[in-house]
Amino acid sequence: MNRKRILIGVAVILVISAGIFGFSRDEKNFVVAKNLDIYYTLFRELNLFYVDDVNPNKLVKTSIDKMLESLDPYTSYIPEDQMEDFRFMTTGEYAGIGALISKQKDKIVIAEPYEGFPAQKYGLKAGDILLEVEGKSTSGMNTEDVSNLLKGPANKPVKIKYERYGDKKPVTVDVIREKITIGAVPYYGMLDNNTAYIRLSNFTENCAAEVKKAFTELKKNNPQALVLDLRGNPGGLLNEAVDIVNIFVPKGSEIVSTKGKVTQWDRVYKATSEPLDTTIRIAVLTNSGSASASEIVAGAIQDLDRGIVVGTRTFGKGLVQTTRDLSYNTKLKVTTAKYYIPSGRCIQALDYAHRNEDGSVGLIPDSLISEFQTKKGRKVYDGGGVAPDVKIESDMVSNLSIELINQFLIFDFATRFAAENQTIAGPEEFQISEDTYKKFIAFVKENNFKYESDSQNEFEELVKLAKREKYYGLAEKEFEALKTKLQPDFEKDALQFSDEIKELLKDEIVSRYYYQKGAIKAALKDDKGLKRAIEELNSPTAYAANFTPGKVIPAK
């Protein structure tokens, strides 16, 4: 019971203390002690008298999680059994086989083996079904259970029994685990004779060194411009973001500052090293999935007028988290400060509880937005995220494509295709032929694919409302005609949305042969945002026009 009281005590103190700073020290101590006692007695009575058996660990974890949710989306409790995942998120390192796994219906499947790591070296492929790990059947397990079995001491074998499409018998193999370090820069290269490209997927330890190494190699080609792709990058370590900006701005430049309730979290981060290049034209690619440290980099580059931001508004996470050690090898990741980019604005979304469906910042009233200025006097705004200098409208993916992904039909077709085709053209050349697309349509139909459209669902609600209000009879023919048009028709819709479905198929198939780097190369070929960034960078006049003093970068 002492352990329970410690866990409860630590958690409850956090939420109670937030509301009692107007009290004297004695009053605070009394309020804390009082509420802790109430919580403990409630938990004791519940444990003793609730009609069914209760799981104390689960109850306490639930109460902690719900309590922390009431503060912000990022303050969280990390129990002991999740410490390995937490370390991977911050370091990019773990000991295992080097593969992503997923659950498809009731099966655990290799979703993506990383090139050069044990899973790939020992012959595992995307689409392989994991039947047993260390002699334990994966039936009924979730991905976390299987992942924990696959992880373990480096240089030790893990026995895996798997089934592959097209093979008659399962295969058993001993895969020697290795220390896995997933690089933060999955791809870099020259897009043309003038433009270098670096994709940064996260801000784990030493990612700045990876970016610096990539840029140093690219500079051998004498590029005049650089695209730094931060789309979908969820962020990570703040100091790594500072070091990345430092590659491109003079020593001593202020990059970001943090301010919190406790003065020890108040700090100004400046460029501490000599930069590699302060003149190359820069475009930072962003979308609504670019968050936290990604926003520091994009926002600092914009505020210092060092480059332009191209894409869509970023996520809007301007809160700094610090991990605090708790008892029994647990941790608390707690928001301790807000960060402010060079213009003085905080990019934290004003309302982080309500977002658009894609996770982007919702509507911000003009009355809540404040104006700031970049180094050259351009007008920028706070309220949520970093708004782009050059806006690219997001392509809406059809509901058909979403369902083909969610029902694993694109993934499964790629598995079959890879089993039947030993080689394909290079990532930049490979395309989905009409013959392959016809085979895909036949494959989907074989699997009795069914889907609904959002338009159809909304239409059905409209019909219900019209009938309730007795308007339906006045326009029954029109309603029926519209119903026919909105009825999902796979073959018709597969033709209408063929371009985007082919693109999804191409990316998935290319990854089976050329892994992550190949998939990135293939995707870049028809990347609308990238093409717009290159256009802007390759026109010195258009690029320079972005930095005109007084220019407004719209908040919306």
Protein backbone atom coordinates (compact mmCIF):
# COMPACT_ATOMS: atom_id res chain seq x y z
CA MET A 1 0.00 0.00 0.00
CA ASN A 2 2.96 2.37 0.57
CA ARG A 3 3.80 2.15 -3.11
CA LYS A 4 0.26 3.10 -4.05
CA ARG A 5 0.33 6.08 -1.70
CA ILE A 6 3.59 7.32 -3.18
CA LEU A 7 2.25 7.12 -6.72
CA ILE A 8 -1.02 8.77 -5.78
CA GLY A 9 0.73 11.44 -3.76
CA VAL A 10 3.08 12.50 -6.50
CA ALA A 11 0.30 12.71 -9.06
CA VAL A 12 -2.23 14.57 -6.93
CA ILE A 13 0.31 17.13 -5.75
CA LEU A 14 0.85 18.15 -9.34
CA VAL A 15 -2.73 19.09 -10.06
CA ILE A 16 -3.55 20.52 -6.64
CA SER A 17 -0.50 22.73 -6.50
CA ALA A 18 -1.56 24.42 -9.73
CA GLY A 19 -4.50 26.08 -8.02
CA ILE A 20 -3.13 27.13 -4.64
CA PHE A 21 -0.39 29.63 -5.37
CA GLY A 22 -2.44 32.44 -3.89
CA PHE A 23 -2.25 30.84 -0.45
CA SER A 24 0.39 31.18 2.24
CA ARG A 25 2.83 28.30 2.67
CA ASP A 26 0.91 26.89 5.67
CA GLU A 27 -2.38 27.12 3.78
CA LYS A 28 -0.84 25.39 0.76
CA ASN A 29 0.48 22.58 2.91
CA PHE A 30 -2.92 22.13 4.51
CA VAL A 31 -4.76 22.04 1.16
CA VAL A 32 -2.28 19.51 -0.22
CA ALA A 33 -2.49 17.29 2.87
CA LYS A 34 -6.27 17.53 2.98
CA ASN A 35 -6.78 16.54 -0.66
CA LEU A 36 -4.23 13.76 -0.49
CA ASP A 37 -6.03 12.32 2.50
CA ILE A 38 -9.39 12.55 0.70
CA TYR A 39 -7.94 10.78 -2.32
CA TYR A 40 -6.31 8.05 -0.23
CA THR A 41 -9.43 7.35 1.81
CA LEU A 42 -11.57 7.30 -1.35
CA PHE A 43 -9.20 4.84 -3.01
CA ARG A 44 -9.10 2.64 0.11
CA GLU A 45 -12.90 2.49 0.37
CA LEU A 46 -13.24 1.79 -3.34
CA ASN A 47 -10.72 -1.01 -3.12
CA LEU A 48 -12.48 -2.55 -0.12
CA PHE A 49 -16.14 -2.24 -1.05
CA TYR A 50 -16.56 -1.98 -4.82
CA VAL A 51 -18.81 -4.82 -5.99
CA ASP A 52 -16.21 -6.33 -8.36
CA ASP A 53 -12.48 -6.83 -8.01
CA VAL A 54 -10.54 -3.75 -9.06
CA ASN A 55 -7.06 -3.45 -10.50
CA PRO A 56 -5.27 -0.90 -8.28
CA ASN A 57 -2.50 -0.22 -10.80
CA LYS A 58 -5.00 0.42 -13.57
CA LEU A 59 -7.17 2.66 -11.39
CA VAL A 60 -4.24 4.79 -10.28
CA LYS A 61 -2.86 5.04 -13.82
CA THR A 62 -6.28 6.10 -15.10
CA SER A 63 -6.66 8.74 -12.42
CA ILE A 64 -3.16 10.10 -13.10
CA ASP A 65 -3.74 10.21 -16.85
CA LYS A 66 -7.10 11.95 -16.56
CA MET A 67 -5.69 14.45 -14.08
CA LEU A 68 -2.79 15.35 -16.35
CA GLU A 69 -5.07 15.57 -19.38
CA SER A 70 -6.87 18.43 -17.65
CA LEU A 71 -3.64 20.48 -17.75
CA ASP A 72 -2.45 20.18 -21.35
CA PRO A 73 -1.99 17.45 -23.99
CA TYR A 74 1.73 17.04 -23.34
CA THR A 75 2.12 16.59 -19.59
CA SER A 76 2.12 12.83 -19.07
CA TYR A 77 3.03 10.02 -16.70
CA ILE A 78 5.50 7.41 -17.93
CA PRO A 79 5.22 4.08 -16.08
CA GLU A 80 8.16 1.73 -15.74
CA ASP A 81 7.00 -0.63 -18.50
CA GLN A 82 7.03 2.24 -21.02
CA MET A 83 10.51 3.54 -20.24
CA GLU A 84 12.09 1.72 -23.19
CA ASP A 85 9.69 3.41 -25.61
CA PHE A 86 10.37 6.77 -23.97
CA ARG A 87 14.13 6.34 -24.36
CA PHE A 88 13.65 5.45 -28.03
CA MET A 89 11.63 8.61 -28.60
CA THR A 90 14.41 10.81 -27.22
CA THR A 91 17.49 8.93 -28.44
CA GLY A 92 16.31 6.95 -31.47
CA GLU A 93 18.09 3.92 -30.00
CA TYR A 94 16.92 0.49 -28.82
CA ALA A 95 18.07 -3.10 -29.05
CA GLY A 96 15.96 -5.22 -31.36
CA ILE A 97 15.52 -6.38 -34.95
CA GLY A 98 15.01 -3.01 -36.64
CA ALA A 99 11.50 -3.25 -38.09
CA LEU A 100 8.12 -1.62 -37.72
CA ILE A 101 5.24 -3.99 -36.99
CA SER A 102 1.50 -3.47 -37.24
CA LYS A 103 -1.69 -5.35 -36.47
CA GLN A 104 -3.81 -6.16 -39.49
CA LYS A 105 -7.12 -7.65 -38.44
CA ASP A 106 -5.97 -10.43 -36.08
CA LYS A 107 -2.42 -10.81 -37.40
CA ILE A 108 0.88 -9.16 -36.48
CA VAL A 109 2.71 -8.17 -39.65
CA ILE A 110 6.11 -6.72 -40.54
CA ALA A 111 5.14 -3.28 -41.84
CA GLU A 112 8.61 -2.02 -42.71
CA PRO A 113 12.06 -3.52 -42.12
CA TYR A 114 14.79 -0.88 -41.86
CA GLU A 115 17.54 -1.25 -44.43
CA GLY A 116 20.81 -2.58 -43.03
CA PHE A 117 19.37 -3.81 -39.73
CA PRO A 118 18.81 -7.41 -38.48
CA ALA A 119 15.26 -7.94 -39.81
CA GLN A 120 16.37 -7.11 -43.34
CA LYS A 121 19.72 -8.87 -43.04
CA TYR A 122 18.03 -12.10 -41.90
CA GLY A 123 15.51 -12.02 -44.76
CA LEU A 124 12.33 -10.63 -43.17
CA LYS A 125 10.19 -8.60 -45.55
CA ALA A 126 7.25 -6.23 -45.33
CA GLY A 127 4.07 -8.30 -45.31
CA ASP A 128 5.54 -11.26 -43.43
CA ILE A 129 3.11 -12.51 -40.78
CA LEU A 130 4.70 -13.13 -37.38
CA LEU A 131 3.30 -16.39 -36.00
CA GLU A 132 5.57 -16.91 -32.99
CA VAL A 133 8.28 -14.98 -31.15
CA GLU A 134 10.49 -16.92 -28.72
CA GLY A 135 8.09 -19.84 -28.96
CA LYS A 136 5.08 -17.73 -27.96
CA SER A 137 2.16 -17.50 -30.33
CA THR A 138 1.28 -13.96 -31.37
CA SER A 139 -2.41 -14.90 -31.60
CA GLY A 140 -4.38 -12.49 -29.45
CA MET A 141 -1.38 -10.22 -28.84
CA ASN A 142 -1.24 -6.53 -29.70
CA THR A 143 1.72 -4.82 -31.32
CA GLU A 144 3.10 -3.65 -27.97
CA ASP A 145 3.20 -7.23 -26.65
CA VAL A 146 5.04 -8.50 -29.72
CA SER A 147 7.36 -5.49 -29.79
CA ASN A 148 8.41 -6.22 -26.21
CA LEU A 149 9.24 -9.83 -27.18
CA LEU A 150 11.31 -8.69 -30.15
CA LYS A 151 13.34 -6.25 -28.06
CA GLY A 152 16.02 -7.50 -25.72
CA PRO A 153 19.76 -7.62 -25.11
CA ALA A 154 21.95 -6.70 -28.08
CA ASN A 155 23.94 -9.53 -29.73
CA LYS A 156 21.44 -12.13 -28.46
CA PRO A 157 19.17 -14.13 -30.80
CA VAL A 158 15.39 -13.91 -30.89
CA LYS A 159 13.57 -16.86 -32.51
CA ILE A 160 10.91 -15.78 -34.99
CA LYS A 161 8.46 -17.99 -36.85
CA TYR A 162 6.79 -16.25 -39.78
CA GLU A 163 4.58 -16.91 -42.77
CA ARG A 164 5.13 -15.30 -46.18
CA TYR A 165 2.71 -14.80 -49.06
CA GLY A 166 3.39 -17.37 -51.77
CA ASP A 167 5.35 -19.77 -49.53
CA LYS A 168 3.75 -23.08 -48.57
CA LYS A 169 5.37 -23.50 -45.16
CA PRO A 170 6.21 -21.12 -42.30
CA VAL A 171 9.88 -20.25 -41.75
CA THR A 172 11.70 -20.11 -38.42
CA VAL A 173 14.81 -17.97 -38.08
CA ASP A 174 17.08 -16.82 -35.24
CA VAL A 175 17.61 -13.07 -35.67
CA ILE A 176 20.53 -11.60 -33.73
CA ARG A 177 19.39 -8.41 -32.08
CA GLU A 178 21.48 -5.30 -32.52
CA LYS A 179 21.56 -1.87 -30.98
CA ILE A 180 19.27 -0.02 -33.34
CA THR A 181 19.84 3.66 -34.01
CA ILE A 182 17.30 5.14 -36.37
CA GLY A 183 18.83 8.10 -38.19
CA ALA A 184 17.01 11.41 -38.05
CA VAL A 185 17.99 12.20 -41.66
CA PRO A 186 16.50 9.38 -43.76
CA TYR A 187 17.49 11.03 -47.04
CA TYR A 188 19.49 13.89 -48.51
CA GLY A 189 20.67 14.67 -52.02
CA MET A 190 20.75 17.14 -54.90
CA LEU A 191 17.37 17.86 -56.51
CA ASP A 192 19.01 19.59 -59.47
CA ASN A 193 22.32 21.30 -60.18
CA ASN A 194 21.47 24.21 -57.88
CA THR A 195 19.24 22.81 -55.12
CA ALA A 196 20.19 20.59 -52.19
CA TYR A 197 17.61 18.68 -50.15
CA ILE A 198 17.62 17.34 -46.57
CA ARG A 199 14.72 15.44 -44.99
CA LEU A 200 14.69 15.58 -41.17
CA SER A 201 12.20 13.17 -39.60
CA ASN A 202 12.63 13.94 -35.88
CA PHE A 203 14.73 15.81 -33.33
CA THR A 204 16.46 13.01 -31.45
CA GLU A 205 19.94 13.17 -29.90
CA ASN A 206 22.67 14.18 -32.36
CA CYS A 207 20.25 14.94 -35.19
CA ALA A 208 21.93 18.34 -35.64
CA ALA A 209 25.21 16.54 -36.27
CA GLU A 210 23.44 14.43 -38.92
CA VAL A 211 22.07 17.54 -40.63
CA LYS A 212 25.49 19.19 -40.46
CA LYS A 213 27.15 16.13 -41.99
CA ALA A 214 24.56 15.94 -44.77
CA PHE A 215 24.89 19.65 -45.56
CA THR A 216 28.69 19.46 -45.55
CA GLU A 217 28.58 16.67 -48.14
CA LEU A 218 26.01 18.52 -50.24
CA LYS A 219 28.13 21.67 -50.24
CA LYS A 220 30.70 19.80 -52.33
CA ASN A 221 28.20 20.22 -55.20
CA ASN A 222 28.19 24.04 -54.74
CA PRO A 223 24.40 24.36 -54.33
CA GLN A 224 22.84 27.80 -54.46
CA ALA A 225 19.76 26.77 -52.49
CA LEU A 226 18.65 24.30 -49.81
CA VAL A 227 15.29 22.71 -49.06
CA LEU A 228 15.00 21.56 -45.44
CA ASP A 229 11.97 19.26 -45.26
CA LEU A 230 10.29 19.21 -41.84
CA ARG A 231 6.88 17.98 -42.96
CA GLY A 232 5.43 15.48 -40.53
CA ASN A 233 8.32 16.03 -38.10
CA PRO A 234 6.77 15.94 -34.58
CA GLY A 235 9.75 17.61 -32.91
CA GLY A 236 11.84 16.48 -29.98
CA LEU A 237 14.89 17.98 -28.30
CA LEU A 238 15.00 21.78 -28.18
CA ASN A 239 18.81 22.02 -28.08
CA GLU A 240 19.04 20.07 -31.34
CA ALA A 241 16.74 22.61 -32.99
CA VAL A 242 19.00 25.42 -31.79
CA ASP A 243 22.08 23.67 -33.18
CA ILE A 244 20.42 23.15 -36.57
CA VAL A 245 19.51 26.83 -36.91
CA ASN A 246 23.08 27.65 -35.82
CA ILE A 247 24.34 25.97 -39.03
CA PHE A 248 22.84 28.86 -41.02
CA VAL A 249 22.93 31.95 -38.75
CA PRO A 250 25.80 33.99 -37.30
CA LYS A 251 27.27 33.11 -33.92
CA GLY A 252 25.47 35.02 -31.15
CA SER A 253 22.08 35.12 -32.92
CA GLU A 254 19.13 34.58 -30.58
CA ILE A 255 17.21 31.53 -31.75
CA VAL A 256 14.63 30.82 -29.05
CA SER A 257 13.88 31.70 -25.44
CA THR A 258 11.87 29.89 -22.78
CA LYS A 259 9.84 31.35 -19.94
CA GLY A 260 8.16 29.42 -17.14
CA LYS A 261 6.65 29.83 -13.71
CA VAL A 262 9.89 28.67 -12.09
CA THR A 263 12.68 31.08 -13.03
CA GLN A 264 15.16 28.23 -13.55
CA TRP A 265 13.33 27.45 -16.81
CA ASP A 266 13.81 31.01 -18.12
CA ARG A 267 16.60 30.87 -20.67
CA VAL A 268 17.76 32.42 -23.90
CA TYR A 269 19.28 30.07 -26.49
CA LYS A 270 21.77 31.63 -28.89
CA ALA A 271 23.95 30.34 -31.70
CA THR A 272 27.18 29.33 -29.96
CA SER A 273 29.22 28.14 -32.94
CA GLU A 274 30.42 29.58 -36.20
CA PRO A 275 27.88 28.76 -38.97
CA LEU A 276 28.59 26.69 -42.05
CA ASP A 277 26.74 28.97 -44.47
CA THR A 278 24.95 32.28 -43.95
CA THR A 279 24.12 33.07 -47.58
CA ILE A 280 22.61 29.98 -49.24
CA ARG A 281 18.94 30.46 -50.08
CA ILE A 282 16.76 28.33 -47.76
CA ALA A 283 13.19 27.03 -47.97
CA VAL A 284 11.79 25.12 -44.99
CA LEU A 285 8.94 22.79 -45.95
CA THR A 286 6.21 22.48 -43.30
CA ASN A 287 2.72 21.09 -42.81
CA SER A 288 0.27 20.66 -39.94
CA GLY A 289 2.37 17.74 -38.69
CA SER A 290 5.45 19.92 -38.18
CA ALA A 291 5.51 20.52 -34.44
CA SER A 292 7.56 21.67 -31.47
CA ALA A 293 11.27 21.69 -32.38
CA SER A 294 10.29 21.78 -36.07
CA GLU A 295 8.48 25.03 -35.36
CA ILE A 296 11.51 26.47 -33.58
CA VAL A 297 13.63 25.84 -36.68
CA ALA A 298 11.01 27.10 -39.15
CA GLY A 299 10.04 30.04 -36.96
CA ALA A 300 13.63 31.12 -36.24
CA ILE A 301 14.60 30.90 -39.92
CA GLN A 302 11.56 33.06 -40.72
CA ASP A 303 11.95 35.57 -37.87
CA LEU A 304 15.65 36.07 -38.61
CA ASP A 305 14.81 36.50 -42.33
CA ARG A 306 17.30 33.75 -43.06
CA GLY A 307 14.96 31.82 -45.34
CA ILE A 308 11.36 31.23 -46.30
CA VAL A 309 8.75 28.77 -45.03
CA VAL A 310 6.80 26.92 -47.73
CA GLY A 311 3.74 24.72 -47.17
CA THR A 312 0.98 24.99 -44.62
CA ARG A 313 0.71 26.35 -41.08
CA THR A 314 2.55 24.26 -38.52
CA PHE A 315 0.96 22.38 -35.64
CA GLY A 316 1.22 25.03 -32.93
CA LYS A 317 3.09 23.44 -30.00
CA GLY A 318 5.03 26.09 -28.08
CA LEU A 319 5.23 24.30 -24.75
CA VAL A 320 8.46 22.94 -23.28
CA GLN A 321 8.41 19.61 -21.43
CA THR A 322 10.91 18.48 -18.81
CA THR A 323 11.14 14.96 -17.42
CA ARG A 324 11.20 14.52 -13.66
CA ASP A 325 12.14 11.27 -11.95
CA LEU A 326 9.48 9.67 -9.78
CA SER A 327 9.64 6.63 -7.52
CA TYR A 328 9.81 3.04 -8.79
CA ASN A 329 11.59 3.91 -12.06
CA THR A 330 8.75 6.04 -13.36
CA LYS A 331 8.86 9.55 -14.79
CA LEU A 332 6.70 12.61 -15.19
CA LYS A 333 6.95 14.56 -18.44
CA VAL A 334 5.69 17.96 -17.32
CA THR A 335 5.19 21.24 -19.16
CA THR A 336 7.50 23.73 -17.46
CA ALA A 337 7.68 26.66 -19.88
CA LYS A 338 6.61 28.23 -23.15
CA TYR A 339 9.08 29.04 -25.87
CA TYR A 340 9.35 32.21 -27.88
CA ILE A 341 11.03 32.55 -31.27
CA PRO A 342 13.21 35.60 -32.17
CA SER A 343 10.37 38.01 -33.02
CA GLY A 344 8.99 37.45 -29.51
CA ARG A 345 5.96 35.45 -30.55
CA CYS A 346 4.89 32.16 -28.99
CA ILE A 347 3.61 29.69 -31.52
CA GLN A 348 1.52 27.70 -29.02
CA ALA A 349 -2.05 27.26 -30.27
CA LEU A 350 -4.32 29.41 -28.13
CA ASP A 351 -6.85 26.59 -27.92
CA TYR A 352 -5.04 23.25 -28.01
CA ALA A 353 -8.13 21.34 -26.93
CA HIS A 354 -9.96 21.95 -30.21
CA ARG A 355 -8.28 21.40 -33.55
CA ASN A 356 -9.27 20.72 -37.13
CA GLU A 357 -9.72 17.11 -38.23
CA ASP A 358 -6.19 17.00 -39.67
CA GLY A 359 -4.72 18.21 -36.36
CA SER A 360 -4.04 21.73 -37.63
CA VAL A 361 -4.72 24.90 -35.68
CA GLY A 362 -8.39 25.83 -35.61
CA LEU A 363 -9.97 29.23 -36.24
CA ILE A 364 -8.33 31.99 -34.19
CA PRO A 365 -10.35 35.18 -33.56
CA ASP A 366 -8.56 38.32 -34.75
CA SER A 367 -8.97 39.86 -31.29
CA LEU A 368 -6.67 37.20 -29.82
CA ILE A 369 -3.87 37.57 -32.38
CA SER A 370 -0.88 39.85 -31.73
CA GLU A 371 1.46 41.31 -34.33
CA PHE A 372 5.25 40.94 -34.24
CA GLN A 373 8.09 41.79 -36.62
CA THR A 374 10.89 39.83 -38.18
CA LYS A 375 14.47 41.11 -38.24
CA LYS A 376 13.82 43.04 -41.48
CA GLY A 377 10.44 44.34 -40.36
CA ARG A 378 8.06 41.84 -41.93
CA LYS A 379 4.80 41.39 -40.01
CA VAL A 380 4.18 38.01 -38.39
CA TYR A 381 1.58 36.85 -35.88
CA ASP A 382 1.12 34.54 -32.93
CA GLY A 383 -1.95 32.50 -32.05
CA GLY A 384 -0.89 29.08 -33.21
CA GLY A 385 1.86 27.69 -35.37
CA VAL A 386 4.15 29.26 -37.95
CA ALA A 387 2.34 30.57 -41.02
CA PRO A 388 4.19 29.97 -44.32
CA ASP A 389 5.66 32.71 -46.50
CA VAL A 390 4.50 30.68 -49.50
CA LYS A 391 1.27 28.82 -48.87
CA ILE A 392 0.54 25.49 -50.53
CA GLU A 393 -3.03 24.28 -50.30
CA SER A 394 -3.20 20.80 -48.77
CA ASP A 395 -4.47 18.11 -51.09
CA MET A 396 -7.50 16.40 -49.65
CA VAL A 397 -7.22 12.63 -49.90
CA SER A 398 -10.39 10.91 -51.08
CA ASN A 399 -12.34 8.72 -48.69
CA LEU A 400 -11.76 5.84 -51.10
CA SER A 401 -7.97 6.14 -50.71
CA ILE A 402 -8.29 6.37 -46.94
CA GLU A 403 -10.35 3.19 -46.81
CA LEU A 404 -7.98 1.34 -49.15
CA ILE A 405 -5.19 2.19 -46.71
CA ASN A 406 -7.18 1.44 -43.56
CA GLN A 407 -8.27 -1.94 -44.89
CA PHE A 408 -4.63 -2.74 -45.85
CA LEU A 409 -5.52 -3.36 -49.49
CA ILE A 410 -2.71 -1.17 -50.82
CA PHE A 411 -0.27 -2.81 -48.40
CA ASP A 412 -1.44 -6.35 -49.24
CA PHE A 413 -1.33 -5.73 -52.99
CA ALA A 414 2.25 -4.46 -52.65
CA THR A 415 3.09 -7.68 -50.77
CA ARG A 416 1.67 -9.77 -53.61
CA PHE A 417 3.36 -7.60 -56.26
CA ALA A 418 6.77 -7.94 -54.57
CA ALA A 419 6.36 -11.72 -54.38
CA GLU A 420 5.61 -11.91 -58.09
CA ASN A 421 8.18 -9.39 -59.36
CA GLN A 422 11.82 -9.86 -58.48
CA THR A 423 12.93 -6.38 -59.57
CA ILE A 424 11.47 -3.03 -60.61
CA ALA A 425 12.85 0.18 -62.12
CA GLY A 426 14.65 2.69 -59.87
CA PRO A 427 12.64 4.82 -57.43
CA GLU A 428 12.67 7.88 -59.70
CA GLU A 429 11.58 5.90 -62.79
CA PHE A 430 9.08 3.37 -61.46
CA GLN A 431 5.43 4.08 -62.25
CA ILE A 432 2.20 2.12 -61.85
CA SER A 433 1.28 0.86 -65.31
CA GLU A 434 -2.31 0.60 -66.49
CA ASP A 435 -1.96 -3.19 -66.43
CA THR A 436 -0.79 -3.12 -62.79
CA TYR A 437 -3.62 -0.77 -61.88
CA LYS A 438 -6.18 -3.10 -63.47
CA LYS A 439 -4.74 -5.95 -61.43
CA PHE A 440 -5.08 -3.83 -58.30
CA ILE A 441 -8.75 -3.11 -59.04
CA ALA A 442 -9.37 -6.83 -59.56
CA PHE A 443 -7.52 -7.57 -56.30
CA VAL A 444 -9.68 -5.11 -54.38
CA LYS A 445 -12.87 -6.62 -55.80
CA GLU A 446 -11.65 -10.12 -54.90
CA ASN A 447 -11.44 -8.98 -51.28
CA ASN A 448 -15.10 -7.85 -51.23
CA PHE A 449 -14.10 -4.26 -50.52
CA LYS A 450 -16.84 -2.03 -49.21
CA TYR A 451 -16.71 1.58 -48.16
CA GLU A 452 -18.89 4.57 -47.43
CA SER A 453 -18.41 8.20 -48.37
CA ASP A 454 -18.76 11.11 -45.97
CA SER A 455 -21.06 12.73 -48.52
CA GLN A 456 -23.34 9.69 -48.43
CA ASN A 457 -23.46 9.72 -44.64
CA GLU A 458 -24.24 13.44 -44.56
CA PHE A 459 -26.89 12.93 -47.24
CA GLU A 460 -28.62 10.24 -45.19
CA GLU A 461 -28.74 12.62 -42.22
CA LEU A 462 -30.23 15.28 -44.48
CA VAL A 463 -32.91 12.84 -45.65
CA LYS A 464 -33.82 12.04 -42.03
CA LEU A 465 -34.09 15.73 -41.23
CA ALA A 466 -36.15 16.44 -44.35
CA LYS A 467 -38.57 13.62 -43.50
CA ARG A 468 -38.87 14.79 -39.92
CA GLU A 469 -39.67 18.32 -41.07
CA LYS A 470 -41.95 16.94 -43.85
CA TYR A 471 -40.00 18.49 -46.72
CA TYR A 472 -38.88 15.19 -48.24
CA GLY A 473 -42.09 14.64 -50.21
CA LEU A 474 -41.73 18.03 -51.89
CA ALA A 475 -38.43 17.03 -53.52
CA GLU A 476 -38.41 13.25 -53.43
CA LYS A 477 -37.26 12.89 -57.06
CA GLU A 478 -34.38 15.30 -56.50
CA PHE A 479 -33.38 13.46 -53.33
CA GLU A 480 -33.39 10.10 -55.13
CA ALA A 481 -31.35 11.48 -58.04
CA LEU A 482 -28.75 12.90 -55.63
CA LYS A 483 -28.67 9.62 -53.72
CA THR A 484 -27.78 7.78 -56.93
CA LYS A 485 -24.95 10.21 -57.69
CA LEU A 486 -23.52 9.97 -54.17
CA GLN A 487 -23.72 6.17 -53.96
CA PRO A 488 -20.14 4.82 -53.75
CA ASP A 489 -19.14 2.94 -56.88
CA PHE A 490 -15.68 1.44 -56.56
CA GLU A 491 -14.86 1.10 -60.26
CA LYS A 492 -16.10 4.61 -61.04
CA ASP A 493 -14.31 6.13 -58.05
CA ALA A 494 -11.14 4.14 -58.73
CA LEU A 495 -11.04 5.78 -62.16
CA GLN A 496 -11.81 9.26 -60.81
CA PHE A 497 -9.15 9.07 -58.09
CA SER A 498 -6.67 6.97 -60.05
CA ASP A 499 -3.82 9.49 -59.82
CA GLU A 500 -3.74 9.58 -56.02
CA ILE A 501 -4.28 5.82 -55.67
CA LYS A 502 -1.46 5.11 -58.13
CA GLU A 503 0.79 7.42 -56.12
CA LEU A 504 0.00 5.52 -52.91
CA LEU A 505 0.62 2.21 -54.65
CA LYS A 506 3.90 3.44 -56.11
CA ASP A 507 5.22 4.60 -52.73
CA GLU A 508 4.29 1.31 -51.04
CA ILE A 509 5.73 -0.89 -53.80
CA VAL A 510 8.96 1.10 -54.11
CA SER A 511 9.53 0.76 -50.35
CA ARG A 512 9.55 -3.06 -50.77
CA TYR A 513 12.59 -2.86 -53.04
CA TYR A 514 14.41 0.33 -52.03
CA TYR A 515 13.24 0.81 -48.44
CA GLN A 516 12.73 4.22 -46.84
CA LYS A 517 15.21 6.16 -48.96
CA GLY A 518 13.70 4.79 -52.13
CA ALA A 519 10.17 5.63 -51.04
CA ILE A 520 11.22 9.22 -50.30
CA LYS A 521 12.92 9.52 -53.71
CA ALA A 522 9.79 8.21 -55.44
CA ALA A 523 7.48 10.57 -53.54
CA LEU A 524 9.62 13.65 -54.24
CA LYS A 525 9.21 13.28 -57.99
CA ASP A 526 5.59 14.51 -57.97
CA ASP A 527 5.74 16.59 -54.79
CA LYS A 528 3.74 19.79 -55.33
CA GLY A 529 5.14 21.56 -52.27
CA LEU A 530 8.70 20.71 -53.22
CA LYS A 531 8.21 21.95 -56.78
CA ARG A 532 6.88 25.27 -55.46
CA ALA A 533 9.84 25.62 -53.11
CA ILE A 534 12.30 24.98 -55.96
CA GLU A 535 10.57 27.59 -58.14
CA GLU A 536 10.90 30.16 -55.37
CA LEU A 537 14.52 29.31 -54.62
CA ASN A 538 15.65 29.23 -58.25
CA SER A 539 14.38 32.75 -58.87
CA PRO A 540 16.63 35.13 -56.89
CA THR A 541 14.20 37.98 -57.58
CA ALA A 542 11.13 36.10 -56.32
CA TYR A 543 13.08 34.79 -53.33
CA ALA A 544 14.33 38.26 -52.36
CA ALA A 545 10.81 39.70 -52.65
CA ASN A 546 9.74 37.58 -49.68
CA PHE A 547 11.90 39.72 -47.38
CA THR A 548 10.48 43.13 -48.29
CA PRO A 549 10.17 45.24 -45.09
CA GLY A 550 6.55 45.71 -44.12
CA LYS A 551 5.39 42.59 -45.96
CA VAL A 552 2.62 40.76 -44.10
CA ILE A 553 2.75 37.00 -43.55
CA PRO A 554 -0.97 36.33 -42.96
CA ALA A 555 -1.99 34.72 -39.70
CA LYS A 556 -4.65 32.63 -41.45
